[in-house]
Amino acid sequence: MKFSVIKQRSLWWSISAAIILAGIVSMAISWTRPDIRAPLRPSLDFIGGTRLQFELDCTKPENCKPIDIAAVRQILDAQGLGGSSIQVIGKEQRGLSLRTKTLDVEQRTKLQSALSEKIGAFAPQSIQIDTVGPTLGKQLFTSGLLALLLSFAGITVYLTFRFQLDYAFFAFVALFHDVLITVGIFSILGLVQGVEVDSLFVVALLTIIGFSVNDTVVIYDRVREVIKLNPGQSIDQIVDDAVIQTLGRSINTTMTTLLTLFSIFLFGGETLKNFALALIVGFIAGAYSSIFIASTLLAWWRSRTGNSLAVPVEAINSSEEV
């Protein structure tokens, strides 16, 4: 049986809609959370504050035990830091990562002493303290958002000149689809796993846009070629043929890229882990949207507007007469 993306387009659209809706709900929940107050859990790149990281000293007797989050929360509440983010890290749950409002040296010392007294002594070499001012975060956010908007606009203009306006519009929809899915997945991960987004996340989104539009352009190019070869076919058949002819290329390109990204995710260290994860999610979404969203939307639109044939019959007859 011949594979057809058009016949199952309601399924492809439903899958995307379900994932996007889950992400939007997660972003709404994140916005109401006192420890986040944003659609995504922001890192110190985007908000001013202090990050403190500790690990229990296992060289001391009866000190190496899993950290109790409830006990940590009580200490933070007592010191007026109730809205802070708490994350237990490490396989044995003996590490602690805190994100609080900006603390001075005296406040940090007081907090560390209270935590040591309540949950155990910390290894001196494990203590890490980072502080980022809010001005840097605002600049990063503004620059990143501007870069995303300019990339969307530039790609739309380019595709309009290269193809037609409806091609460009649905390519834009596919790009927006990829960004929404990536942002939604990270919003969910922020709620469930405490995953934060930093400046590299914006870089990942821009990379995803470039990858996705490249795949979409390949399919649209093939649609245009098939139209020239078979101008009398319906647009549904044209799109199905174009997708099938480019399917192997799209899958192979995505798989080879994902192999590299999974290697970075597993062995690239903590700094690049979330960056690689964002690219993995976005590249999968990009390949999916190029094959199942951009192509099916184009066929649906052409059929809905009366262009069920790739080229009108009158144009075919006139060319034959000439």
C-alpha atoms as a PDB file:
ATOM      1  CA  MET A   1       0.000   0.000   0.000  1.00  0.00           C
ATOM      2  CA  LYS A   2       1.404   3.395  -0.996  1.00  0.00           C
ATOM      3  CA  PHE A   3       2.175   5.748   1.865  1.00  0.00           C
ATOM      4  CA  SER A   4       0.061   8.932   1.809  1.00  0.00           C
ATOM      5  CA  VAL A   5       0.558  11.929   4.083  1.00  0.00           C
ATOM      6  CA  ILE A   6      -2.604  13.584   2.757  1.00  0.00           C
ATOM      7  CA  LYS A   7      -5.013  10.804   3.753  1.00  0.00           C
ATOM      8  CA  GLN A   8      -3.810  10.883   7.371  1.00  0.00           C
ATOM      9  CA  ARG A   9      -3.389  14.638   7.685  1.00  0.00           C
ATOM     10  CA  SER A  10      -5.992  14.896  10.465  1.00  0.00           C
ATOM     11  CA  LEU A  11      -3.842  12.511  12.522  1.00  0.00           C
ATOM     12  CA  TRP A  12      -0.656  14.538  11.943  1.00  0.00           C
ATOM     13  CA  TRP A  13      -2.429  17.768  12.854  1.00  0.00           C
ATOM     14  CA  SER A  14      -3.960  16.200  15.980  1.00  0.00           C
ATOM     15  CA  ILE A  15      -0.575  14.976  17.230  1.00  0.00           C
ATOM     16  CA  SER A  16       0.944  18.435  16.817  1.00  0.00           C
ATOM     17  CA  ALA A  17      -2.063  20.154  18.381  1.00  0.00           C
ATOM     18  CA  ALA A  18      -1.945  17.857  21.424  1.00  0.00           C
ATOM     19  CA  ILE A  19       1.766  18.487  22.053  1.00  0.00           C
ATOM     20  CA  ILE A  20       1.425  22.244  21.540  1.00  0.00           C
ATOM     21  CA  LEU A  21      -1.634  22.413  23.819  1.00  0.00           C
ATOM     22  CA  ALA A  22       0.207  20.519  26.563  1.00  0.00           C
ATOM     23  CA  GLY A  23       3.074  22.983  26.252  1.00  0.00           C
ATOM     24  CA  ILE A  24       0.770  26.000  26.443  1.00  0.00           C
ATOM     25  CA  VAL A  25      -0.906  24.606  29.572  1.00  0.00           C
ATOM     26  CA  SER A  26       2.528  23.997  31.105  1.00  0.00           C
ATOM     27  CA  MET A  27       3.600  27.560  30.301  1.00  0.00           C
ATOM     28  CA  ALA A  28       0.437  28.912  31.953  1.00  0.00           C
ATOM     29  CA  ILE A  29       1.114  26.840  35.071  1.00  0.00           C
ATOM     30  CA  SER A  30       4.753  27.984  35.131  1.00  0.00           C
ATOM     31  CA  TRP A  31       3.641  31.598  34.975  1.00  0.00           C
ATOM     32  CA  THR A  32       1.582  31.155  38.151  1.00  0.00           C
ATOM     33  CA  ARG A  33       4.311  29.336  40.069  1.00  0.00           C
ATOM     34  CA  PRO A  34       5.957  31.683  42.613  1.00  0.00           C
ATOM     35  CA  ASP A  35       9.387  30.116  42.037  1.00  0.00           C
ATOM     36  CA  ILE A  36       9.222  30.588  38.227  1.00  0.00           C
ATOM     37  CA  ARG A  37       6.807  33.389  37.205  1.00  0.00           C
ATOM     38  CA  ALA A  38       7.630  32.903  33.513  1.00  0.00           C
ATOM     39  CA  PRO A  39       6.538  30.523  30.711  1.00  0.00           C
ATOM     40  CA  LEU A  40       9.889  28.725  31.035  1.00  0.00           C
ATOM     41  CA  ARG A  41      12.065  28.223  34.062  1.00  0.00           C
ATOM     42  CA  PRO A  42      14.729  30.923  33.504  1.00  0.00           C
ATOM     43  CA  SER A  43      18.374  30.493  34.382  1.00  0.00           C
ATOM     44  CA  LEU A  44      20.575  33.213  35.806  1.00  0.00           C
ATOM     45  CA  ASP A  45      21.236  34.420  32.264  1.00  0.00           C
ATOM     46  CA  PHE A  46      17.738  35.919  32.243  1.00  0.00           C
ATOM     47  CA  ILE A  47      17.097  36.874  35.860  1.00  0.00           C
ATOM     48  CA  GLY A  48      19.291  38.397  38.487  1.00  0.00           C
ATOM     49  CA  GLY A  49      19.979  36.251  41.497  1.00  0.00           C
ATOM     50  CA  THR A  50      22.301  33.844  43.255  1.00  0.00           C
ATOM     51  CA  ARG A  51      22.831  30.158  42.572  1.00  0.00           C
ATOM     52  CA  LEU A  52      24.313  28.050  45.346  1.00  0.00           C
ATOM     53  CA  GLN A  53      25.393  24.462  44.862  1.00  0.00           C
ATOM     54  CA  PHE A  54      26.529  22.103  47.643  1.00  0.00           C
ATOM     55  CA  GLU A  55      27.288  18.428  48.099  1.00  0.00           C
ATOM     56  CA  LEU A  56      27.344  16.528  51.379  1.00  0.00           C
ATOM     57  CA  ASP A  57      30.766  15.540  52.704  1.00  0.00           C
ATOM     58  CA  CYS A  58      30.727  11.742  52.620  1.00  0.00           C
ATOM     59  CA  THR A  59      34.076  11.484  54.441  1.00  0.00           C
ATOM     60  CA  LYS A  60      32.328  12.264  57.717  1.00  0.00           C
ATOM     61  CA  PRO A  61      30.434   9.467  59.493  1.00  0.00           C
ATOM     62  CA  GLU A  62      26.632   9.419  59.182  1.00  0.00           C
ATOM     63  CA  ASN A  63      26.741  12.518  57.002  1.00  0.00           C
ATOM     64  CA  CYS A  64      26.248  10.893  53.596  1.00  0.00           C
ATOM     65  CA  LYS A  65      22.495  10.549  53.208  1.00  0.00           C
ATOM     66  CA  PRO A  66      19.814  11.725  50.741  1.00  0.00           C
ATOM     67  CA  ILE A  67      18.870  15.373  51.211  1.00  0.00           C
ATOM     68  CA  ASP A  68      15.354  16.099  52.481  1.00  0.00           C
ATOM     69  CA  ILE A  69      13.782  18.821  50.292  1.00  0.00           C
ATOM     70  CA  ALA A  70      11.147  19.568  52.936  1.00  0.00           C
ATOM     71  CA  ALA A  71      13.862  20.384  55.489  1.00  0.00           C
ATOM     72  CA  VAL A  72      15.610  22.660  52.978  1.00  0.00           C
ATOM     73  CA  ARG A  73      12.343  24.433  52.232  1.00  0.00           C
ATOM     74  CA  GLN A  74      11.756  25.100  55.945  1.00  0.00           C
ATOM     75  CA  ILE A  75      15.168  26.746  56.255  1.00  0.00           C
ATOM     76  CA  LEU A  76      14.580  28.928  53.185  1.00  0.00           C
ATOM     77  CA  ASP A  77      11.130  29.967  54.435  1.00  0.00           C
ATOM     78  CA  ALA A  78      12.603  30.917  57.805  1.00  0.00           C
ATOM     79  CA  GLN A  79      15.134  33.192  56.088  1.00  0.00           C
ATOM     80  CA  GLY A  80      12.585  34.890  53.824  1.00  0.00           C
ATOM     81  CA  LEU A  81      13.570  32.925  50.713  1.00  0.00           C
ATOM     82  CA  GLY A  82      10.338  30.985  50.272  1.00  0.00           C
ATOM     83  CA  GLY A  83      10.128  31.586  46.507  1.00  0.00           C
ATOM     84  CA  SER A  84      13.523  30.037  45.823  1.00  0.00           C
ATOM     85  CA  SER A  85      14.039  27.094  43.493  1.00  0.00           C
ATOM     86  CA  ILE A  86      15.296  23.883  45.117  1.00  0.00           C
ATOM     87  CA  GLN A  87      16.745  20.948  43.228  1.00  0.00           C
ATOM     88  CA  VAL A  88      18.358  17.822  44.642  1.00  0.00           C
ATOM     89  CA  ILE A  89      21.072  16.625  42.247  1.00  0.00           C
ATOM     90  CA  GLY A  90      23.231  13.532  41.837  1.00  0.00           C
ATOM     91  CA  LYS A  91      22.278   9.876  41.568  1.00  0.00           C
ATOM     92  CA  GLU A  92      22.430   9.431  45.340  1.00  0.00           C
ATOM     93  CA  GLN A  93      20.554  12.705  45.971  1.00  0.00           C
ATOM     94  CA  ARG A  94      23.417  14.094  48.045  1.00  0.00           C
ATOM     95  CA  GLY A  95      23.835  17.321  46.099  1.00  0.00           C
ATOM     96  CA  LEU A  96      21.779  20.486  46.417  1.00  0.00           C
ATOM     97  CA  SER A  97      21.256  23.332  43.929  1.00  0.00           C
ATOM     98  CA  LEU A  98      19.465  26.493  45.056  1.00  0.00           C
ATOM     99  CA  ARG A  99      18.407  29.533  43.035  1.00  0.00           C
ATOM    100  CA  THR A 100      17.421  32.510  45.146  1.00  0.00           C
ATOM    101  CA  LYS A 101      17.166  36.261  44.957  1.00  0.00           C
ATOM    102  CA  THR A 102      20.507  38.082  45.011  1.00  0.00           C
ATOM    103  CA  LEU A 103      22.275  37.428  48.331  1.00  0.00           C
ATOM    104  CA  ASP A 104      25.224  39.256  49.828  1.00  0.00           C
ATOM    105  CA  VAL A 105      28.119  37.488  51.552  1.00  0.00           C
ATOM    106  CA  GLU A 106      26.541  37.665  54.998  1.00  0.00           C
ATOM    107  CA  GLN A 107      23.234  36.222  53.751  1.00  0.00           C
ATOM    108  CA  ARG A 108      24.983  33.402  51.893  1.00  0.00           C
ATOM    109  CA  THR A 109      27.052  32.506  54.955  1.00  0.00           C
ATOM    110  CA  LYS A 110      23.979  32.508  57.156  1.00  0.00           C
ATOM    111  CA  LEU A 111      22.089  30.279  54.731  1.00  0.00           C
ATOM    112  CA  GLN A 112      24.986  27.838  54.342  1.00  0.00           C
ATOM    113  CA  SER A 113      25.396  27.552  58.114  1.00  0.00           C
ATOM    114  CA  ALA A 114      21.696  26.869  58.622  1.00  0.00           C
ATOM    115  CA  LEU A 115      21.692  24.191  55.906  1.00  0.00           C
ATOM    116  CA  SER A 116      24.819  22.516  57.301  1.00  0.00           C
ATOM    117  CA  GLU A 117      23.303  22.413  60.761  1.00  0.00           C
ATOM    118  CA  LYS A 118      20.027  20.927  59.533  1.00  0.00           C
ATOM    119  CA  ILE A 119      20.974  18.450  56.793  1.00  0.00           C
ATOM    120  CA  GLY A 120      24.725  17.844  57.251  1.00  0.00           C
ATOM    121  CA  ALA A 121      28.170  19.246  56.534  1.00  0.00           C
ATOM    122  CA  PHE A 122      29.107  20.112  52.964  1.00  0.00           C
ATOM    123  CA  ALA A 123      32.337  19.232  51.178  1.00  0.00           C
ATOM    124  CA  PRO A 124      34.311  22.509  50.789  1.00  0.00           C
ATOM    125  CA  GLN A 125      35.422  21.680  47.235  1.00  0.00           C
ATOM    126  CA  SER A 126      31.796  21.174  46.111  1.00  0.00           C
ATOM    127  CA  ILE A 127      30.578  24.647  47.063  1.00  0.00           C
ATOM    128  CA  GLN A 128      29.770  26.793  44.002  1.00  0.00           C
ATOM    129  CA  ILE A 129      28.260  30.282  44.095  1.00  0.00           C
ATOM    130  CA  ASP A 130      27.289  32.313  41.001  1.00  0.00           C
ATOM    131  CA  THR A 131      25.728  35.762  40.770  1.00  0.00           C
ATOM    132  CA  VAL A 132      24.320  37.470  37.653  1.00  0.00           C
ATOM    133  CA  GLY A 133      22.862  40.965  37.529  1.00  0.00           C
ATOM    134  CA  PRO A 134      19.351  41.558  36.101  1.00  0.00           C
ATOM    135  CA  THR A 135      20.581  44.021  33.439  1.00  0.00           C
ATOM    136  CA  LEU A 136      22.492  41.262  31.629  1.00  0.00           C
ATOM    137  CA  GLY A 137      19.422  39.058  31.651  1.00  0.00           C
ATOM    138  CA  LYS A 138      17.215  41.773  30.139  1.00  0.00           C
ATOM    139  CA  GLN A 139      19.717  42.447  27.360  1.00  0.00           C
ATOM    140  CA  LEU A 140      19.987  38.773  26.518  1.00  0.00           C
ATOM    141  CA  PHE A 141      16.230  38.339  26.418  1.00  0.00           C
ATOM    142  CA  THR A 142      15.658  41.405  24.217  1.00  0.00           C
ATOM    143  CA  SER A 143      18.437  40.497  21.786  1.00  0.00           C
ATOM    144  CA  GLY A 144      17.285  36.883  21.554  1.00  0.00           C
ATOM    145  CA  LEU A 145      13.667  37.815  20.903  1.00  0.00           C
ATOM    146  CA  LEU A 146      14.680  40.343  18.249  1.00  0.00           C
ATOM    147  CA  ALA A 147      16.872  37.749  16.536  1.00  0.00           C
ATOM    148  CA  LEU A 148      13.967  35.278  16.418  1.00  0.00           C
ATOM    149  CA  LEU A 149      11.559  37.840  14.957  1.00  0.00           C
ATOM    150  CA  LEU A 150      14.054  38.968  12.312  1.00  0.00           C
ATOM    151  CA  SER A 151      14.789  35.389  11.293  1.00  0.00           C
ATOM    152  CA  PHE A 152      11.068  34.653  10.890  1.00  0.00           C
ATOM    153  CA  ALA A 153      10.575  37.789   8.793  1.00  0.00           C
ATOM    154  CA  GLY A 154      13.631  37.157   6.616  1.00  0.00           C
ATOM    155  CA  ILE A 155      12.710  33.553   5.900  1.00  0.00           C
ATOM    156  CA  THR A 156       9.121  34.511   5.021  1.00  0.00           C
ATOM    157  CA  VAL A 157      10.282  37.186   2.558  1.00  0.00           C
ATOM    158  CA  TYR A 158      12.820  34.834   0.968  1.00  0.00           C
ATOM    159  CA  LEU A 159      10.283  32.028   0.484  1.00  0.00           C
ATOM    160  CA  THR A 160       7.724  34.450  -0.935  1.00  0.00           C
ATOM    161  CA  PHE A 161      10.141  35.469  -3.687  1.00  0.00           C
ATOM    162  CA  ARG A 162      11.417  31.951  -4.303  1.00  0.00           C
ATOM    163  CA  PHE A 163       8.008  30.248  -4.359  1.00  0.00           C
ATOM    164  CA  GLN A 164       4.615  31.875  -3.774  1.00  0.00           C
ATOM    165  CA  LEU A 165       2.951  33.595  -0.849  1.00  0.00           C
ATOM    166  CA  ASP A 166       0.992  30.535   0.297  1.00  0.00           C
ATOM    167  CA  TYR A 167       4.158  28.413   0.228  1.00  0.00           C
ATOM    168  CA  ALA A 168       5.903  31.011   2.408  1.00  0.00           C
ATOM    169  CA  PHE A 169       2.986  31.302   4.818  1.00  0.00           C
ATOM    170  CA  PHE A 170       2.762  27.572   5.512  1.00  0.00           C
ATOM    171  CA  ALA A 171       6.534  27.315   5.825  1.00  0.00           C
ATOM    172  CA  PHE A 172       6.232  30.048   8.472  1.00  0.00           C
ATOM    173  CA  VAL A 173       3.479  28.048  10.209  1.00  0.00           C
ATOM    174  CA  ALA A 174       5.777  24.998  10.249  1.00  0.00           C
ATOM    175  CA  LEU A 175       8.609  27.063  11.761  1.00  0.00           C
ATOM    176  CA  PHE A 176       6.298  28.484  14.414  1.00  0.00           C
ATOM    177  CA  HIS A 177       5.118  24.912  15.090  1.00  0.00           C
ATOM    178  CA  ASP A 178       8.725  23.804  15.729  1.00  0.00           C
ATOM    179  CA  VAL A 179       9.442  26.692  18.080  1.00  0.00           C
ATOM    180  CA  LEU A 180       6.201  26.145  20.015  1.00  0.00           C
ATOM    181  CA  ILE A 181       6.889  22.442  20.465  1.00  0.00           C
ATOM    182  CA  THR A 182      10.464  23.029  21.637  1.00  0.00           C
ATOM    183  CA  VAL A 183       9.415  25.788  24.037  1.00  0.00           C
ATOM    184  CA  GLY A 184       6.474  23.703  25.287  1.00  0.00           C
ATOM    185  CA  ILE A 185       8.610  20.618  25.930  1.00  0.00           C
ATOM    186  CA  PHE A 186      11.120  22.706  27.895  1.00  0.00           C
ATOM    187  CA  SER A 187       8.306  24.304  29.868  1.00  0.00           C
ATOM    188  CA  ILE A 188       7.109  20.822  30.855  1.00  0.00           C
ATOM    189  CA  LEU A 189      10.659  19.760  31.715  1.00  0.00           C
ATOM    190  CA  GLY A 190      11.029  22.920  33.786  1.00  0.00           C
ATOM    191  CA  LEU A 191       8.008  21.953  35.881  1.00  0.00           C
ATOM    192  CA  VAL A 192       8.822  18.254  36.191  1.00  0.00           C
ATOM    193  CA  GLN A 193      12.622  18.131  36.198  1.00  0.00           C
ATOM    194  CA  GLY A 194      13.609  21.694  37.042  1.00  0.00           C
ATOM    195  CA  VAL A 195      15.261  22.195  33.623  1.00  0.00           C
ATOM    196  CA  GLU A 196      16.234  25.841  33.057  1.00  0.00           C
ATOM    197  CA  VAL A 197      16.714  27.775  29.824  1.00  0.00           C
ATOM    198  CA  ASP A 198      19.703  30.042  29.271  1.00  0.00           C
ATOM    199  CA  SER A 199      21.163  32.116  26.432  1.00  0.00           C
ATOM    200  CA  LEU A 200      22.143  28.930  24.589  1.00  0.00           C
ATOM    201  CA  PHE A 201      18.457  28.055  24.364  1.00  0.00           C
ATOM    202  CA  VAL A 202      17.885  31.089  22.130  1.00  0.00           C
ATOM    203  CA  VAL A 203      20.809  29.951  19.958  1.00  0.00           C
ATOM    204  CA  ALA A 204      19.196  26.512  19.758  1.00  0.00           C
ATOM    205  CA  LEU A 205      15.872  28.006  18.594  1.00  0.00           C
ATOM    206  CA  LEU A 206      17.608  29.936  15.806  1.00  0.00           C
ATOM    207  CA  THR A 207      19.445  26.781  14.729  1.00  0.00           C
ATOM    208  CA  ILE A 208      16.178  24.825  14.710  1.00  0.00           C
ATOM    209  CA  ILE A 209      14.557  27.430  12.453  1.00  0.00           C
ATOM    210  CA  GLY A 210      17.393  27.167   9.946  1.00  0.00           C
ATOM    211  CA  PHE A 211      17.304  23.374   9.914  1.00  0.00           C
ATOM    212  CA  SER A 212      13.526  23.163   9.598  1.00  0.00           C
ATOM    213  CA  VAL A 213      13.203  25.664   6.748  1.00  0.00           C
ATOM    214  CA  ASN A 214      15.914  23.832   4.815  1.00  0.00           C
ATOM    215  CA  ASP A 215      13.886  20.605   4.932  1.00  0.00           C
ATOM    216  CA  THR A 216      10.705  22.441   3.954  1.00  0.00           C
ATOM    217  CA  VAL A 217      12.401  24.128   0.981  1.00  0.00           C
ATOM    218  CA  VAL A 218      13.563  20.730  -0.312  1.00  0.00           C
ATOM    219  CA  ILE A 219       9.989  19.392  -0.248  1.00  0.00           C
ATOM    220  CA  TYR A 220       8.550  22.558  -1.816  1.00  0.00           C
ATOM    221  CA  ASP A 221      11.189  22.416  -4.550  1.00  0.00           C
ATOM    222  CA  ARG A 222      10.145  18.870  -5.325  1.00  0.00           C
ATOM    223  CA  VAL A 223       6.466  19.899  -5.344  1.00  0.00           C
ATOM    224  CA  ARG A 224       7.289  22.510  -7.952  1.00  0.00           C
ATOM    225  CA  GLU A 225       9.223  19.983 -10.064  1.00  0.00           C
ATOM    226  CA  VAL A 226       6.406  17.416  -9.930  1.00  0.00           C
ATOM    227  CA  ILE A 227       3.911  20.105 -10.955  1.00  0.00           C
ATOM    228  CA  LYS A 228       5.968  20.808 -14.077  1.00  0.00           C
ATOM    229  CA  LEU A 229       6.113  17.098 -14.958  1.00  0.00           C
ATOM    230  CA  ASN A 230       2.451  16.341 -14.190  1.00  0.00           C
ATOM    231  CA  PRO A 231       0.495  19.611 -14.421  1.00  0.00           C
ATOM    232  CA  GLY A 232      -2.869  17.885 -14.664  1.00  0.00           C
ATOM    233  CA  GLN A 233      -2.615  15.945 -11.404  1.00  0.00           C
ATOM    234  CA  SER A 234      -4.469  17.011  -8.290  1.00  0.00           C
ATOM    235  CA  ILE A 235      -2.482  18.948  -5.731  1.00  0.00           C
ATOM    236  CA  ASP A 236      -3.010  16.133  -3.198  1.00  0.00           C
ATOM    237  CA  GLN A 237      -1.318  13.641  -5.490  1.00  0.00           C
ATOM    238  CA  ILE A 238       1.436  16.139  -6.319  1.00  0.00           C
ATOM    239  CA  VAL A 239       2.240  16.676  -2.635  1.00  0.00           C
ATOM    240  CA  ASP A 240       2.122  12.952  -1.849  1.00  0.00           C
ATOM    241  CA  ASP A 241       4.564  12.202  -4.667  1.00  0.00           C
ATOM    242  CA  ALA A 242       6.893  15.026  -3.611  1.00  0.00           C
ATOM    243  CA  VAL A 243       6.961  13.888   0.012  1.00  0.00           C
ATOM    244  CA  ILE A 244       7.614  10.263  -0.907  1.00  0.00           C
ATOM    245  CA  GLN A 245      10.468  11.269  -3.226  1.00  0.00           C
ATOM    246  CA  THR A 246      12.156  13.339  -0.500  1.00  0.00           C
ATOM    247  CA  LEU A 247      11.262  11.161   2.504  1.00  0.00           C
ATOM    248  CA  GLY A 248      14.451   9.115   2.474  1.00  0.00           C
ATOM    249  CA  ARG A 249      16.612  12.217   2.227  1.00  0.00           C
ATOM    250  CA  SER A 250      14.781  13.917   5.108  1.00  0.00           C
ATOM    251  CA  ILE A 251      15.012  10.888   7.406  1.00  0.00           C
ATOM    252  CA  ASN A 252      18.689  10.254   6.642  1.00  0.00           C
ATOM    253  CA  THR A 253      19.653  13.892   7.224  1.00  0.00           C
ATOM    254  CA  THR A 254      17.773  14.050  10.511  1.00  0.00           C
ATOM    255  CA  MET A 255      19.123  10.723  11.802  1.00  0.00           C
ATOM    256  CA  THR A 256      22.762  11.551  11.096  1.00  0.00           C
ATOM    257  CA  THR A 257      22.345  14.918  12.813  1.00  0.00           C
ATOM    258  CA  LEU A 258      20.625  13.344  15.821  1.00  0.00           C
ATOM    259  CA  LEU A 259      23.469  10.857  16.299  1.00  0.00           C
ATOM    260  CA  THR A 260      25.875  13.748  16.833  1.00  0.00           C
ATOM    261  CA  LEU A 261      23.454  15.604  19.099  1.00  0.00           C
ATOM    262  CA  PHE A 262      22.841  12.545  21.284  1.00  0.00           C
ATOM    263  CA  SER A 263      26.613  12.188  21.690  1.00  0.00           C
ATOM    264  CA  ILE A 264      26.830  15.811  22.841  1.00  0.00           C
ATOM    265  CA  PHE A 265      23.853  15.296  25.165  1.00  0.00           C
ATOM    266  CA  LEU A 266      25.396  12.209  26.793  1.00  0.00           C
ATOM    267  CA  PHE A 267      29.062  13.191  26.891  1.00  0.00           C
ATOM    268  CA  GLY A 268      29.231  16.956  26.362  1.00  0.00           C
ATOM    269  CA  GLY A 269      28.947  17.975  30.007  1.00  0.00           C
ATOM    270  CA  GLU A 270      26.349  19.943  31.923  1.00  0.00           C
ATOM    271  CA  THR A 271      26.949  23.194  30.022  1.00  0.00           C
ATOM    272  CA  LEU A 272      25.932  21.749  26.647  1.00  0.00           C
ATOM    273  CA  LYS A 273      23.390  19.189  27.843  1.00  0.00           C
ATOM    274  CA  ASN A 274      20.271  21.355  27.642  1.00  0.00           C
ATOM    275  CA  PHE A 275      21.501  22.982  24.434  1.00  0.00           C
ATOM    276  CA  ALA A 276      21.814  19.565  22.795  1.00  0.00           C
ATOM    277  CA  LEU A 277      18.426  18.510  24.176  1.00  0.00           C
ATOM    278  CA  ALA A 278      16.750  21.585  22.684  1.00  0.00           C
ATOM    279  CA  LEU A 279      18.292  20.813  19.289  1.00  0.00           C
ATOM    280  CA  ILE A 280      17.185  17.170  19.502  1.00  0.00           C
ATOM    281  CA  VAL A 281      13.580  18.158  20.240  1.00  0.00           C
ATOM    282  CA  GLY A 282      13.590  20.923  17.630  1.00  0.00           C
ATOM    283  CA  PHE A 283      15.185  18.885  14.846  1.00  0.00           C
ATOM    284  CA  ILE A 284      12.702  16.053  15.327  1.00  0.00           C
ATOM    285  CA  ALA A 285       9.849  18.586  15.325  1.00  0.00           C
ATOM    286  CA  GLY A 286      11.368  20.251  12.241  1.00  0.00           C
ATOM    287  CA  ALA A 287      11.568  17.047  10.254  1.00  0.00           C
ATOM    288  CA  TYR A 288       8.018  16.177  11.317  1.00  0.00           C
ATOM    289  CA  SER A 289       6.595  19.583  10.394  1.00  0.00           C
ATOM    290  CA  SER A 290       8.296  19.654   6.985  1.00  0.00           C
ATOM    291  CA  ILE A 291       6.905  16.253   6.026  1.00  0.00           C
ATOM    292  CA  PHE A 292       3.523  16.211   7.750  1.00  0.00           C
ATOM    293  CA  ILE A 293       2.531  19.829   8.438  1.00  0.00           C
ATOM    294  CA  ALA A 294       3.885  22.231   5.790  1.00  0.00           C
ATOM    295  CA  SER A 295       3.097  19.891   2.882  1.00  0.00           C
ATOM    296  CA  THR A 296      -0.399  18.861   4.011  1.00  0.00           C
ATOM    297  CA  LEU A 297      -1.391  22.440   4.833  1.00  0.00           C
ATOM    298  CA  LEU A 298      -0.342  23.566   1.358  1.00  0.00           C
ATOM    299  CA  ALA A 299      -2.425  20.823  -0.273  1.00  0.00           C
ATOM    300  CA  TRP A 300      -5.407  21.569   1.993  1.00  0.00           C
ATOM    301  CA  TRP A 301      -5.266  25.286   1.172  1.00  0.00           C
ATOM    302  CA  ARG A 302      -4.992  24.784  -2.571  1.00  0.00           C
ATOM    303  CA  SER A 303      -7.959  22.383  -2.510  1.00  0.00           C
ATOM    304  CA  ARG A 304     -10.008  24.718  -0.317  1.00  0.00           C
ATOM    305  CA  THR A 305      -9.429  27.718  -2.578  1.00  0.00           C
ATOM    306  CA  GLY A 306     -10.439  25.794  -5.673  1.00  0.00           C
ATOM    307  CA  ASN A 307      -6.934  25.000  -6.913  1.00  0.00           C
ATOM    308  CA  SER A 308      -7.428  21.237  -6.675  1.00  0.00           C
ATOM    309  CA  LEU A 309      -5.349  20.865  -9.834  1.00  0.00           C
ATOM    310  CA  ALA A 310      -1.709  21.889  -9.713  1.00  0.00           C
ATOM    311  CA  VAL A 311      -2.213  23.859 -12.931  1.00  0.00           C
ATOM    312  CA  PRO A 312      -5.684  24.848 -14.225  1.00  0.00           C
ATOM    313  CA  VAL A 313      -7.081  22.787 -17.106  1.00  0.00           C
ATOM    314  CA  GLU A 314      -7.355  25.924 -19.272  1.00  0.00           C
ATOM    315  CA  ALA A 315      -3.619  26.490 -18.937  1.00  0.00           C
ATOM    316  CA  ILE A 316      -2.900  22.893 -19.994  1.00  0.00           C
ATOM    317  CA  ASN A 317      -5.187  23.104 -23.040  1.00  0.00           C
ATOM    318  CA  SER A 318      -3.737  26.416 -24.164  1.00  0.00           C
ATOM    319  CA  SER A 319      -0.194  25.062 -23.936  1.00  0.00           C
ATOM    320  CA  GLU A 320      -1.192  22.018 -26.019  1.00  0.00           C
ATOM    321  CA  GLU A 321      -2.749  24.226 -28.709  1.00  0.00           C
ATOM    322  CA  VAL A 322       0.427  26.253 -28.979  1.00  0.00           C
END
